[in-house]
Amino acid sequence: MTRIAISSEGPGLEERVDPRFGRAAGFILIDLDTMEHEYLDNGSSQARGQGAGIQAVEMIALAGGVKAVLTGFVGPKAFQALQAARIEIGQNLDGLTVREAVERYKQGRVKAASQPNR
């Protein structure tokens, strides 16, 4: 089972990729083999003054088995935390639906980021 997490504006595959990693509304975890998915609400991080990105990384890491994160923008602290958790980062996917971002990833059209873009 290969799972990825996509920052999402809502719980469905037709929702838009949330451009904000740390302050995303939530994350859709998808099993790439079966396309089964679940939604992790990230609403509590939106009220935080600081540390939202690191809290989001912790939530994703605790979900287990997540190989990559697809999102719009990742700040430097969250980027470092994702790298420490050995989670690949795909950025600049805002404007797509979750399903479109997953298809790009499956086709090998999402380049792993080497540095934060925010």
PDB file of N, CA and C in Angstrom:
ATOM      1  N   MET A   1       0.843  -1.183   0.000  1.00  0.00           N
ATOM      2  CA  MET A   1       0.000   0.000   0.000  1.00  0.00           C
ATOM      3  C   MET A   1       0.889   1.247   0.000  1.00  0.00           C
ATOM      4  N   THR A   2       0.709   2.096  -0.992  1.00  0.00           N
ATOM      5  CA  THR A   2       1.401   3.373  -1.064  1.00  0.00           C
ATOM      6  C   THR A   2       0.376   4.470  -0.832  1.00  0.00           C
ATOM      7  N   ARG A   3       0.599   5.263   0.224  1.00  0.00           N
ATOM      8  CA  ARG A   3      -0.332   6.344   0.535  1.00  0.00           C
ATOM      9  C   ARG A   3       0.341   7.688   0.351  1.00  0.00           C
ATOM     10  N   ILE A   4      -0.450   8.641  -0.124  1.00  0.00           N
ATOM     11  CA  ILE A   4      -0.006  10.022  -0.214  1.00  0.00           C
ATOM     12  C   ILE A   4      -1.049  10.893   0.460  1.00  0.00           C
ATOM     13  N   ALA A   5      -0.645  12.104   0.842  1.00  0.00           N
ATOM     14  CA  ALA A   5      -1.550  13.076   1.458  1.00  0.00           C
ATOM     15  C   ALA A   5      -1.601  14.308   0.572  1.00  0.00           C
ATOM     16  N   ILE A   6      -2.815  14.812   0.359  1.00  0.00           N
ATOM     17  CA  ILE A   6      -3.002  16.000  -0.473  1.00  0.00           C
ATOM     18  C   ILE A   6      -3.706  17.053   0.361  1.00  0.00           C
ATOM     19  N   SER A   7      -3.145  18.263   0.423  1.00  0.00           N
ATOM     20  CA  SER A   7      -3.834  19.338   1.133  1.00  0.00           C
ATOM     21  C   SER A   7      -5.091  19.666   0.332  1.00  0.00           C
ATOM     22  N   SER A   8      -6.213  19.720   1.027  1.00  0.00           N
ATOM     23  CA  SER A   8      -7.483  19.840   0.322  1.00  0.00           C
ATOM     24  C   SER A   8      -8.403  20.856   0.982  1.00  0.00           C
ATOM     25  N   GLU A   9      -9.214  21.519   0.155  1.00  0.00           N
ATOM     26  CA  GLU A   9     -10.200  22.465   0.668  1.00  0.00           C
ATOM     27  C   GLU A   9     -11.434  21.758   1.218  1.00  0.00           C
ATOM     28  N   GLY A  10     -11.536  20.445   1.035  1.00  0.00           N
ATOM     29  CA  GLY A  10     -12.674  19.684   1.534  1.00  0.00           C
ATOM     30  C   GLY A  10     -12.420  18.197   1.434  1.00  0.00           C
ATOM     31  N   PRO A  11     -13.427  17.373   1.774  1.00  0.00           N
ATOM     32  CA  PRO A  11     -13.213  15.932   1.915  1.00  0.00           C
ATOM     33  C   PRO A  11     -13.277  15.088   0.642  1.00  0.00           C
ATOM     34  N   GLY A  12     -13.602  15.670  -0.515  1.00  0.00           N
ATOM     35  CA  GLY A  12     -13.785  14.864  -1.718  1.00  0.00           C
ATOM     36  C   GLY A  12     -12.658  14.985  -2.722  1.00  0.00           C
ATOM     37  N   LEU A  13     -12.603  14.023  -3.635  1.00  0.00           N
ATOM     38  CA  LEU A  13     -11.556  14.021  -4.661  1.00  0.00           C
ATOM     39  C   LEU A  13     -11.725  15.139  -5.683  1.00  0.00           C
ATOM     40  N   GLU A  14     -12.928  15.704  -5.777  1.00  0.00           N
ATOM     41  CA  GLU A  14     -13.151  16.803  -6.723  1.00  0.00           C
ATOM     42  C   GLU A  14     -12.921  18.173  -6.086  1.00  0.00           C
ATOM     43  N   GLU A  15     -12.540  18.191  -4.807  1.00  0.00           N
ATOM     44  CA  GLU A  15     -12.193  19.441  -4.123  1.00  0.00           C
ATOM     45  C   GLU A  15     -10.882  19.973  -4.688  1.00  0.00           C
ATOM     46  N   ARG A  16     -10.653  21.243  -4.501  1.00  0.00           N
ATOM     47  CA  ARG A  16      -9.403  21.868  -4.943  1.00  0.00           C
ATOM     48  C   ARG A  16      -8.275  21.560  -3.959  1.00  0.00           C
ATOM     49  N   VAL A  17      -7.069  21.450  -4.493  1.00  0.00           N
ATOM     50  CA  VAL A  17      -5.882  21.343  -3.653  1.00  0.00           C
ATOM     51  C   VAL A  17      -5.769  22.663  -2.888  1.00  0.00           C
ATOM     52  N   ASP A  18      -5.676  22.584  -1.578  1.00  0.00           N
ATOM     53  CA  ASP A  18      -5.525  23.795  -0.769  1.00  0.00           C
ATOM     54  C   ASP A  18      -4.098  24.287  -0.954  1.00  0.00           C
ATOM     55  N   PRO A  19      -3.915  25.542  -1.347  1.00  0.00           N
ATOM     56  CA  PRO A  19      -2.566  26.029  -1.602  1.00  0.00           C
ATOM     57  C   PRO A  19      -1.696  26.109  -0.346  1.00  0.00           C
ATOM     58  N   ARG A  20      -2.323  26.190   0.819  1.00  0.00           N
ATOM     59  CA  ARG A  20      -1.582  26.364   2.073  1.00  0.00           C
ATOM     60  C   ARG A  20      -1.384  25.004   2.732  1.00  0.00           C
ATOM     61  N   PHE A  21      -0.165  24.554   2.870  1.00  0.00           N
ATOM     62  CA  PHE A  21       0.069  23.261   3.512  1.00  0.00           C
ATOM     63  C   PHE A  21      -0.336  23.304   4.979  1.00  0.00           C
ATOM     64  N   GLY A  22       0.317  24.126   5.762  1.00  0.00           N
ATOM     65  CA  GLY A  22       0.085  24.134   7.200  1.00  0.00           C
ATOM     66  C   GLY A  22      -1.308  24.558   7.608  1.00  0.00           C
ATOM     67  N   ARG A  23      -1.887  25.460   6.867  1.00  0.00           N
ATOM     68  CA  ARG A  23      -3.219  25.973   7.215  1.00  0.00           C
ATOM     69  C   ARG A  23      -4.311  25.438   6.281  1.00  0.00           C
ATOM     70  N   ALA A  24      -4.016  24.328   5.629  1.00  0.00           N
ATOM     71  CA  ALA A  24      -5.020  23.693   4.763  1.00  0.00           C
ATOM     72  C   ALA A  24      -6.243  23.318   5.597  1.00  0.00           C
ATOM     73  N   ALA A  25      -7.398  23.306   4.957  1.00  0.00           N
ATOM     74  CA  ALA A  25      -8.618  22.882   5.649  1.00  0.00           C
ATOM     75  C   ALA A  25      -8.480  21.449   6.134  1.00  0.00           C
ATOM     76  N   GLY A  26      -7.802  20.625   5.334  1.00  0.00           N
ATOM     77  CA  GLY A  26      -7.599  19.230   5.710  1.00  0.00           C
ATOM     78  C   GLY A  26      -6.713  18.531   4.703  1.00  0.00           C
ATOM     79  N   PHE A  27      -6.569  17.232   4.894  1.00  0.00           N
ATOM     80  CA  PHE A  27      -5.735  16.417   4.016  1.00  0.00           C
ATOM     81  C   PHE A  27      -6.503  15.167   3.625  1.00  0.00           C
ATOM     82  N   ILE A  28      -6.448  14.840   2.350  1.00  0.00           N
ATOM     83  CA  ILE A  28      -7.018  13.582   1.883  1.00  0.00           C
ATOM     84  C   ILE A  28      -5.873  12.593   1.758  1.00  0.00           C
ATOM     85  N   LEU A  29      -5.990  11.491   2.474  1.00  0.00           N
ATOM     86  CA  LEU A  29      -5.012  10.412   2.388  1.00  0.00           C
ATOM     87  C   LEU A  29      -5.543   9.404   1.391  1.00  0.00           C
ATOM     88  N   ILE A  30      -4.736   9.085   0.388  1.00  0.00           N
ATOM     89  CA  ILE A  30      -5.172   8.207  -0.694  1.00  0.00           C
ATOM     90  C   ILE A  30      -4.223   7.026  -0.835  1.00  0.00           C
ATOM     91  N   ASP A  31      -4.806   5.846  -0.911  1.00  0.00           N
ATOM     92  CA  ASP A  31      -4.052   4.636  -1.246  1.00  0.00           C
ATOM     93  C   ASP A  31      -3.974   4.614  -2.776  1.00  0.00           C
ATOM     94  N   LEU A  32      -2.776   4.746  -3.324  1.00  0.00           N
ATOM     95  CA  LEU A  32      -2.621   4.847  -4.778  1.00  0.00           C
ATOM     96  C   LEU A  32      -3.025   3.573  -5.512  1.00  0.00           C
ATOM     97  N   ASP A  33      -2.971   2.440  -4.847  1.00  0.00           N
ATOM     98  CA  ASP A  33      -3.336   1.183  -5.492  1.00  0.00           C
ATOM     99  C   ASP A  33      -4.848   1.022  -5.653  1.00  0.00           C
ATOM    100  N   THR A  34      -5.593   1.451  -4.637  1.00  0.00           N
ATOM    101  CA  THR A  34      -7.047   1.231  -4.642  1.00  0.00           C
ATOM    102  C   THR A  34      -7.859   2.509  -4.807  1.00  0.00           C
ATOM    103  N   MET A  35      -7.218   3.657  -4.625  1.00  0.00           N
ATOM    104  CA  MET A  35      -7.852   4.978  -4.622  1.00  0.00           C
ATOM    105  C   MET A  35      -8.814   5.149  -3.438  1.00  0.00           C
ATOM    106  N   GLU A  36      -8.757   4.227  -2.475  1.00  0.00           N
ATOM    107  CA  GLU A  36      -9.514   4.439  -1.239  1.00  0.00           C
ATOM    108  C   GLU A  36      -8.914   5.647  -0.549  1.00  0.00           C
ATOM    109  N   HIS A  37      -9.784   6.443   0.084  1.00  0.00           N
ATOM    110  CA  HIS A  37      -9.282   7.663   0.705  1.00  0.00           C
ATOM    111  C   HIS A  37     -10.021   7.968   2.003  1.00  0.00           C
ATOM    112  N   GLU A  38      -9.358   8.766   2.820  1.00  0.00           N
ATOM    113  CA  GLU A  38      -9.949   9.268   4.054  1.00  0.00           C
ATOM    114  C   GLU A  38      -9.540  10.722   4.204  1.00  0.00           C
ATOM    115  N   TYR A  39     -10.321  11.454   4.978  1.00  0.00           N
ATOM    116  CA  TYR A  39     -10.089  12.881   5.158  1.00  0.00           C
ATOM    117  C   TYR A  39      -9.658  13.163   6.586  1.00  0.00           C
ATOM    118  N   LEU A  40      -8.575  13.907   6.729  1.00  0.00           N
ATOM    119  CA  LEU A  40      -8.117  14.363   8.035  1.00  0.00           C
ATOM    120  C   LEU A  40      -8.398  15.858   8.138  1.00  0.00           C
ATOM    121  N   ASP A  41      -9.253  16.240   9.061  1.00  0.00           N
ATOM    122  CA  ASP A  41      -9.573  17.653   9.253  1.00  0.00           C
ATOM    123  C   ASP A  41      -8.392  18.361   9.913  1.00  0.00           C
ATOM    124  N   ASN A  42      -8.030  19.513   9.401  1.00  0.00           N
ATOM    125  CA  ASN A  42      -6.894  20.282   9.913  1.00  0.00           C
ATOM    126  C   ASN A  42      -7.355  21.615  10.476  1.00  0.00           C
ATOM    127  N   GLY A  43      -8.627  21.719  10.809  1.00  0.00           N
ATOM    128  CA  GLY A  43      -9.195  22.985  11.264  1.00  0.00           C
ATOM    129  C   GLY A  43      -8.514  23.583  12.471  1.00  0.00           C
ATOM    130  N   SER A  44      -7.998  22.754  13.376  1.00  0.00           N
ATOM    131  CA  SER A  44      -7.373  23.285  14.589  1.00  0.00           C
ATOM    132  C   SER A  44      -6.115  24.091  14.281  1.00  0.00           C
ATOM    133  N   SER A  45      -5.433  23.788  13.194  1.00  0.00           N
ATOM    134  CA  SER A  45      -4.201  24.519  12.879  1.00  0.00           C
ATOM    135  C   SER A  45      -4.489  25.923  12.369  1.00  0.00           C
ATOM    136  N   GLN A  46      -5.691  26.153  11.867  1.00  0.00           N
ATOM    137  CA  GLN A  46      -6.014  27.468  11.322  1.00  0.00           C
ATOM    138  C   GLN A  46      -6.096  28.528  12.413  1.00  0.00           C
ATOM    139  N   ALA A  47      -6.309  28.105  13.651  1.00  0.00           N
ATOM    140  CA  ALA A  47      -6.396  29.045  14.759  1.00  0.00           C
ATOM    141  C   ALA A  47      -5.033  29.311  15.404  1.00  0.00           C
ATOM    142  N   ARG A  48      -4.038  28.538  15.055  1.00  0.00           N
ATOM    143  CA  ARG A  48      -2.713  28.684  15.661  1.00  0.00           C
ATOM    144  C   ARG A  48      -2.003  29.911  15.114  1.00  0.00           C
ATOM    145  N   GLY A  49      -1.296  30.610  15.990  1.00  0.00           N
ATOM    146  CA  GLY A  49      -0.500  31.751  15.557  1.00  0.00           C
ATOM    147  C   GLY A  49       0.745  31.299  14.820  1.00  0.00           C
ATOM    148  N   GLN A  50       1.383  30.251  15.330  1.00  0.00           N
ATOM    149  CA  GLN A  50       2.601  29.708  14.729  1.00  0.00           C
ATOM    150  C   GLN A  50       2.580  28.195  14.853  1.00  0.00           C
ATOM    151  N   GLY A  51       3.385  27.532  14.062  1.00  0.00           N
ATOM    152  CA  GLY A  51       3.548  26.084  14.181  1.00  0.00           C
ATOM    153  C   GLY A  51       2.512  25.256  13.457  1.00  0.00           C
ATOM    154  N   ALA A  52       1.683  25.884  12.619  1.00  0.00           N
ATOM    155  CA  ALA A  52       0.634  25.140  11.917  1.00  0.00           C
ATOM    156  C   ALA A  52       1.231  24.084  10.983  1.00  0.00           C
ATOM    157  N   GLY A  53       2.307  24.425  10.304  1.00  0.00           N
ATOM    158  CA  GLY A  53       2.923  23.489   9.374  1.00  0.00           C
ATOM    159  C   GLY A  53       3.499  22.275  10.079  1.00  0.00           C
ATOM    160  N   ILE A  54       4.161  22.503  11.202  1.00  0.00           N
ATOM    161  CA  ILE A  54       4.742  21.391  11.954  1.00  0.00           C
ATOM    162  C   ILE A  54       3.635  20.511  12.529  1.00  0.00           C
ATOM    163  N   GLN A  55       2.554  21.119  13.003  1.00  0.00           N
ATOM    164  CA  GLN A  55       1.423  20.336  13.505  1.00  0.00           C
ATOM    165  C   GLN A  55       0.825  19.484  12.391  1.00  0.00           C
ATOM    166  N   ALA A  56       0.722  20.036  11.189  1.00  0.00           N
ATOM    167  CA  ALA A  56       0.190  19.279  10.051  1.00  0.00           C
ATOM    168  C   ALA A  56       1.101  18.096   9.715  1.00  0.00           C
ATOM    169  N   VAL A  57       2.408  18.303   9.767  1.00  0.00           N
ATOM    170  CA  VAL A  57       3.356  17.205   9.504  1.00  0.00           C
ATOM    171  C   VAL A  57       3.162  16.097  10.536  1.00  0.00           C
ATOM    172  N   GLU A  58       3.030  16.466  11.796  1.00  0.00           N
ATOM    173  CA  GLU A  58       2.833  15.472  12.856  1.00  0.00           C
ATOM    174  C   GLU A  58       1.563  14.661  12.611  1.00  0.00           C
ATOM    175  N   MET A  59       0.482  15.346  12.236  1.00  0.00           N
ATOM    176  CA  MET A  59      -0.784  14.663  11.987  1.00  0.00           C
ATOM    177  C   MET A  59      -0.644  13.660  10.835  1.00  0.00           C
ATOM    178  N   ILE A  60       0.022  14.071   9.764  1.00  0.00           N
ATOM    179  CA  ILE A  60       0.210  13.195   8.599  1.00  0.00           C
ATOM    180  C   ILE A  60       1.112  12.020   8.948  1.00  0.00           C
ATOM    181  N   ALA A  61       2.192  12.298   9.675  1.00  0.00           N
ATOM    182  CA  ALA A  61       3.119  11.228  10.051  1.00  0.00           C
ATOM    183  C   ALA A  61       2.426  10.209  10.960  1.00  0.00           C
ATOM    184  N   LEU A  62       1.583  10.675  11.872  1.00  0.00           N
ATOM    185  CA  LEU A  62       0.864   9.767  12.772  1.00  0.00           C
ATOM    186  C   LEU A  62      -0.159   8.916  12.019  1.00  0.00           C
ATOM    187  N   ALA A  63      -0.638   9.398  10.882  1.00  0.00           N
ATOM    188  CA  ALA A  63      -1.594   8.616  10.080  1.00  0.00           C
ATOM    189  C   ALA A  63      -0.936   7.349   9.545  1.00  0.00           C
ATOM    190  N   GLY A  64       0.371   7.380   9.379  1.00  0.00           N
ATOM    191  CA  GLY A  64       1.135   6.195   8.996  1.00  0.00           C
ATOM    192  C   GLY A  64       1.144   5.887   7.516  1.00  0.00           C
ATOM    193  N   GLY A  65       2.301   5.483   7.032  1.00  0.00           N
ATOM    194  CA  GLY A  65       2.451   5.004   5.663  1.00  0.00           C
ATOM    195  C   GLY A  65       2.393   6.047   4.575  1.00  0.00           C
ATOM    196  N   VAL A  66       2.458   7.330   4.917  1.00  0.00           N
ATOM    197  CA  VAL A  66       2.383   8.378   3.897  1.00  0.00           C
ATOM    198  C   VAL A  66       3.771   8.587   3.291  1.00  0.00           C
ATOM    199  N   LYS A  67       3.849   8.402   1.980  1.00  0.00           N
ATOM    200  CA  LYS A  67       5.108   8.492   1.241  1.00  0.00           C
ATOM    201  C   LYS A  67       5.376   9.912   0.737  1.00  0.00           C
ATOM    202  N   ALA A  68       4.294  10.639   0.402  1.00  0.00           N
ATOM    203  CA  ALA A  68       4.455  11.962  -0.203  1.00  0.00           C
ATOM    204  C   ALA A  68       3.290  12.865   0.177  1.00  0.00           C
ATOM    205  N   VAL A  69       3.553  14.168   0.112  1.00  0.00           N
ATOM    206  CA  VAL A  69       2.536  15.196   0.305  1.00  0.00           C
ATOM    207  C   VAL A  69       2.464  16.010  -0.977  1.00  0.00           C
ATOM    208  N   LEU A  70       1.249  16.256  -1.453  1.00  0.00           N
ATOM    209  CA  LEU A  70       1.028  17.125  -2.608  1.00  0.00           C
ATOM    210  C   LEU A  70       0.286  18.356  -2.105  1.00  0.00           C
ATOM    211  N   THR A  71       0.762  19.537  -2.490  1.00  0.00           N
ATOM    212  CA  THR A  71       0.192  20.770  -1.971  1.00  0.00           C
ATOM    213  C   THR A  71       0.543  21.937  -2.876  1.00  0.00           C
ATOM    214  N   GLY A  72       0.219  23.127  -2.423  1.00  0.00           N
ATOM    215  CA  GLY A  72       0.590  24.336  -3.139  1.00  0.00           C
ATOM    216  C   GLY A  72       1.923  24.864  -2.641  1.00  0.00           C
ATOM    217  N   PHE A  73       1.911  25.377  -1.400  1.00  0.00           N
ATOM    218  CA  PHE A  73       3.095  26.031  -0.850  1.00  0.00           C
ATOM    219  C   PHE A  73       3.446  25.452   0.510  1.00  0.00           C
ATOM    220  N   VAL A  74       4.740  25.261   0.746  1.00  0.00           N
ATOM    221  CA  VAL A  74       5.245  24.739   2.016  1.00  0.00           C
ATOM    222  C   VAL A  74       6.306  25.706   2.537  1.00  0.00           C
ATOM    223  N   GLY A  75       6.152  26.119   3.786  1.00  0.00           N
ATOM    224  CA  GLY A  75       7.134  26.995   4.416  1.00  0.00           C
ATOM    225  C   GLY A  75       8.374  26.224   4.844  1.00  0.00           C
ATOM    226  N   PRO A  76       9.431  26.945   5.226  1.00  0.00           N
ATOM    227  CA  PRO A  76      10.705  26.303   5.535  1.00  0.00           C
ATOM    228  C   PRO A  76      10.673  25.336   6.721  1.00  0.00           C
ATOM    229  N   LYS A  77       9.953  25.672   7.779  1.00  0.00           N
ATOM    230  CA  LYS A  77       9.925  24.786   8.951  1.00  0.00           C
ATOM    231  C   LYS A  77       9.153  23.506   8.646  1.00  0.00           C
ATOM    232  N   ALA A  78       8.024  23.633   7.981  1.00  0.00           N
ATOM    233  CA  ALA A  78       7.239  22.452   7.610  1.00  0.00           C
ATOM    234  C   ALA A  78       8.023  21.604   6.608  1.00  0.00           C
ATOM    235  N   PHE A  79       8.716  22.248   5.688  1.00  0.00           N
ATOM    236  CA  PHE A  79       9.521  21.527   4.701  1.00  0.00           C
ATOM    237  C   PHE A  79      10.579  20.679   5.404  1.00  0.00           C
ATOM    238  N   GLN A  80      11.263  21.279   6.366  1.00  0.00           N
ATOM    239  CA  GLN A  80      12.304  20.577   7.114  1.00  0.00           C
ATOM    240  C   GLN A  80      11.696  19.405   7.899  1.00  0.00           C
ATOM    241  N   ALA A  81      10.519  19.615   8.497  1.00  0.00           N
ATOM    242  CA  ALA A  81       9.862  18.549   9.263  1.00  0.00           C
ATOM    243  C   ALA A  81       9.431  17.404   8.342  1.00  0.00           C
ATOM    244  N   LEU A  82       8.927  17.724   7.149  1.00  0.00           N
ATOM    245  CA  LEU A  82       8.555  16.675   6.193  1.00  0.00           C
ATOM    246  C   LEU A  82       9.781  15.874   5.765  1.00  0.00           C
ATOM    247  N   GLN A  83      10.882  16.562   5.506  1.00  0.00           N
ATOM    248  CA  GLN A  83      12.109  15.854   5.130  1.00  0.00           C
ATOM    249  C   GLN A  83      12.582  14.948   6.262  1.00  0.00           C
ATOM    250  N   ALA A  84      12.498  15.433   7.495  1.00  0.00           N
ATOM    251  CA  ALA A  84      12.915  14.624   8.643  1.00  0.00           C
ATOM    252  C   ALA A  84      12.047  13.375   8.778  1.00  0.00           C
ATOM    253  N   ALA A  85      10.774  13.489   8.400  1.00  0.00           N
ATOM    254  CA  ALA A  85       9.850  12.349   8.452  1.00  0.00           C
ATOM    255  C   ALA A  85       9.970  11.466   7.215  1.00  0.00           C
ATOM    256  N   ARG A  86      10.868  11.833   6.308  1.00  0.00           N
ATOM    257  CA  ARG A  86      11.098  11.093   5.059  1.00  0.00           C
ATOM    258  C   ARG A  86       9.836  11.046   4.182  1.00  0.00           C
ATOM    259  N   ILE A  87       9.157  12.200   4.132  1.00  0.00           N
ATOM    260  CA  ILE A  87       7.969  12.334   3.296  1.00  0.00           C
ATOM    261  C   ILE A  87       8.320  13.258   2.131  1.00  0.00           C
ATOM    262  N   GLU A  88       8.178  12.748   0.924  1.00  0.00           N
ATOM    263  CA  GLU A  88       8.465  13.508  -0.300  1.00  0.00           C
ATOM    264  C   GLU A  88       7.463  14.658  -0.426  1.00  0.00           C
ATOM    265  N   ILE A  89       7.891  15.757  -1.041  1.00  0.00           N
ATOM    266  CA  ILE A  89       7.055  16.949  -1.141  1.00  0.00           C
ATOM    267  C   ILE A  89       6.863  17.334  -2.601  1.00  0.00           C
ATOM    268  N   GLY A  90       5.599  17.430  -3.016  1.00  0.00           N
ATOM    269  CA  GLY A  90       5.246  17.932  -4.333  1.00  0.00           C
ATOM    270  C   GLY A  90       4.529  19.265  -4.156  1.00  0.00           C
ATOM    271  N   GLN A  91       5.073  20.318  -4.734  1.00  0.00           N
ATOM    272  CA  GLN A  91       4.546  21.675  -4.535  1.00  0.00           C
ATOM    273  C   GLN A  91       3.951  22.236  -5.833  1.00  0.00           C
ATOM    274  N   ASN A  92       3.363  23.424  -5.698  1.00  0.00           N
ATOM    275  CA  ASN A  92       2.821  24.190  -6.831  1.00  0.00           C
ATOM    276  C   ASN A  92       1.688  23.455  -7.542  1.00  0.00           C
ATOM    277  N   LEU A  93       0.874  22.731  -6.787  1.00  0.00           N
ATOM    278  CA  LEU A  93      -0.245  21.993  -7.373  1.00  0.00           C
ATOM    279  C   LEU A  93      -1.582  22.662  -7.094  1.00  0.00           C
ATOM    280  N   ASP A  94      -1.550  23.868  -6.530  1.00  0.00           N
ATOM    281  CA  ASP A  94      -2.788  24.588  -6.289  1.00  0.00           C
ATOM    282  C   ASP A  94      -3.448  24.907  -7.624  1.00  0.00           C
ATOM    283  N   GLY A  95      -4.754  24.996  -7.619  1.00  0.00           N
ATOM    284  CA  GLY A  95      -5.509  25.219  -8.853  1.00  0.00           C
ATOM    285  C   GLY A  95      -6.020  23.925  -9.457  1.00  0.00           C
ATOM    286  N   LEU A  96      -5.478  22.787  -9.021  1.00  0.00           N
ATOM    287  CA  LEU A  96      -5.930  21.483  -9.504  1.00  0.00           C
ATOM    288  C   LEU A  96      -6.931  20.896  -8.524  1.00  0.00           C
ATOM    289  N   THR A  97      -7.709  19.929  -8.982  1.00  0.00           N
ATOM    290  CA  THR A  97      -8.504  19.161  -8.030  1.00  0.00           C
ATOM    291  C   THR A  97      -7.584  18.118  -7.399  1.00  0.00           C
ATOM    292  N   VAL A  98      -8.035  17.548  -6.296  1.00  0.00           N
ATOM    293  CA  VAL A  98      -7.267  16.488  -5.652  1.00  0.00           C
ATOM    294  C   VAL A  98      -7.053  15.344  -6.636  1.00  0.00           C
ATOM    295  N   ARG A  99      -8.104  14.963  -7.350  1.00  0.00           N
ATOM    296  CA  ARG A  99      -7.992  13.865  -8.320  1.00  0.00           C
ATOM    297  C   ARG A  99      -6.949  14.180  -9.399  1.00  0.00           C
ATOM    298  N   GLU A 100      -6.947  15.421  -9.919  1.00  0.00           N
ATOM    299  CA  GLU A 100      -5.974  15.811 -10.947  1.00  0.00           C
ATOM    300  C   GLU A 100      -4.547  15.751 -10.405  1.00  0.00           C
ATOM    301  N   ALA A 101      -4.346  16.199  -9.162  1.00  0.00           N
ATOM    302  CA  ALA A 101      -3.014  16.156  -8.556  1.00  0.00           C
ATOM    303  C   ALA A 101      -2.540  14.710  -8.388  1.00  0.00           C
ATOM    304  N   VAL A 102      -3.451  13.828  -7.969  1.00  0.00           N
ATOM    305  CA  VAL A 102      -3.101  12.415  -7.801  1.00  0.00           C
ATOM    306  C   VAL A 102      -2.726  11.802  -9.149  1.00  0.00           C
ATOM    307  N   GLU A 103      -3.496  12.107 -10.186  1.00  0.00           N
ATOM    308  CA  GLU A 103      -3.190  11.564 -11.518  1.00  0.00           C
ATOM    309  C   GLU A 103      -1.830  12.033 -12.004  1.00  0.00           C
ATOM    310  N   ARG A 104      -1.516  13.314 -11.788  1.00  0.00           N
ATOM    311  CA  ARG A 104      -0.183  13.810 -12.175  1.00  0.00           C
ATOM    312  C   ARG A 104       0.911  13.056 -11.433  1.00  0.00           C
ATOM    313  N   TYR A 105       0.689  12.829 -10.146  1.00  0.00           N
ATOM    314  CA  TYR A 105       1.679  12.100  -9.343  1.00  0.00           C
ATOM    315  C   TYR A 105       1.851  10.681  -9.866  1.00  0.00           C
ATOM    316  N   LYS A 106       0.758  10.003 -10.127  1.00  0.00           N
ATOM    317  CA  LYS A 106       0.816   8.626 -10.614  1.00  0.00           C
ATOM    318  C   LYS A 106       1.509   8.538 -11.974  1.00  0.00           C
ATOM    319  N   GLN A 107       1.391   9.594 -12.785  1.00  0.00           N
ATOM    320  CA  GLN A 107       2.029   9.629 -14.103  1.00  0.00           C
ATOM    321  C   GLN A 107       3.496  10.060 -14.029  1.00  0.00           C
ATOM    322  N   GLY A 108       3.983  10.359 -12.837  1.00  0.00           N
ATOM    323  CA  GLY A 108       5.366  10.802 -12.680  1.00  0.00           C
ATOM    324  C   GLY A 108       5.587  12.244 -13.081  1.00  0.00           C
ATOM    325  N   ARG A 109       4.516  13.042 -13.079  1.00  0.00           N
ATOM    326  CA  ARG A 109       4.609  14.433 -13.518  1.00  0.00           C
ATOM    327  C   ARG A 109       4.708  15.424 -12.365  1.00  0.00           C
ATOM    328  N   VAL A 110       4.983  14.922 -11.148  1.00  0.00           N
ATOM    329  CA  VAL A 110       5.188  15.786  -9.989  1.00  0.00           C
ATOM    330  C   VAL A 110       6.621  15.593  -9.522  1.00  0.00           C
ATOM    331  N   LYS A 111       7.390  16.648  -9.637  1.00  0.00           N
ATOM    332  CA  LYS A 111       8.797  16.600  -9.253  1.00  0.00           C
ATOM    333  C   LYS A 111       8.922  16.793  -7.742  1.00  0.00           C
ATOM    334  N   ALA A 112       9.751  15.971  -7.111  1.00  0.00           N
ATOM    335  CA  ALA A 112      10.003  16.118  -5.677  1.00  0.00           C
ATOM    336  C   ALA A 112      10.751  17.425  -5.439  1.00  0.00           C
ATOM    337  N   ALA A 113      10.260  18.230  -4.511  1.00  0.00           N
ATOM    338  CA  ALA A 113      10.855  19.532  -4.216  1.00  0.00           C
ATOM    339  C   ALA A 113      12.145  19.355  -3.431  1.00  0.00           C
ATOM    340  N   SER A 114      13.111  20.226  -3.705  1.00  0.00           N
ATOM    341  CA  SER A 114      14.380  20.197  -2.983  1.00  0.00           C
ATOM    342  C   SER A 114      14.507  21.359  -2.003  1.00  0.00           C
ATOM    343  N   GLN A 115      13.543  22.287  -2.056  1.00  0.00           N
ATOM    344  CA  GLN A 115      13.548  23.421  -1.144  1.00  0.00           C
ATOM    345  C   GLN A 115      12.133  23.984  -1.021  1.00  0.00           C
ATOM    346  N   PRO A 116      11.848  24.693   0.069  1.00  0.00           N
ATOM    347  CA  PRO A 116      10.504  25.255   0.239  1.00  0.00           C
ATOM    348  C   PRO A 116      10.240  26.347  -0.791  1.00  0.00           C
ATOM    349  N   ASN A 117       8.980  26.507  -1.132  1.00  0.00           N
ATOM    350  CA  ASN A 117       8.626  27.541  -2.112  1.00  0.00           C
ATOM    351  C   ASN A 117       7.877  28.696  -1.473  1.00  0.00           C
ATOM    352  N   ARG A 118       7.922  28.778  -0.164  1.00  0.00           N
ATOM    353  CA  ARG A 118       7.247  29.888   0.516  1.00  0.00           C
ATOM    354  C   ARG A 118       8.180  30.462   1.540  1.00  0.00           C
TER     355      ARG A 118
END
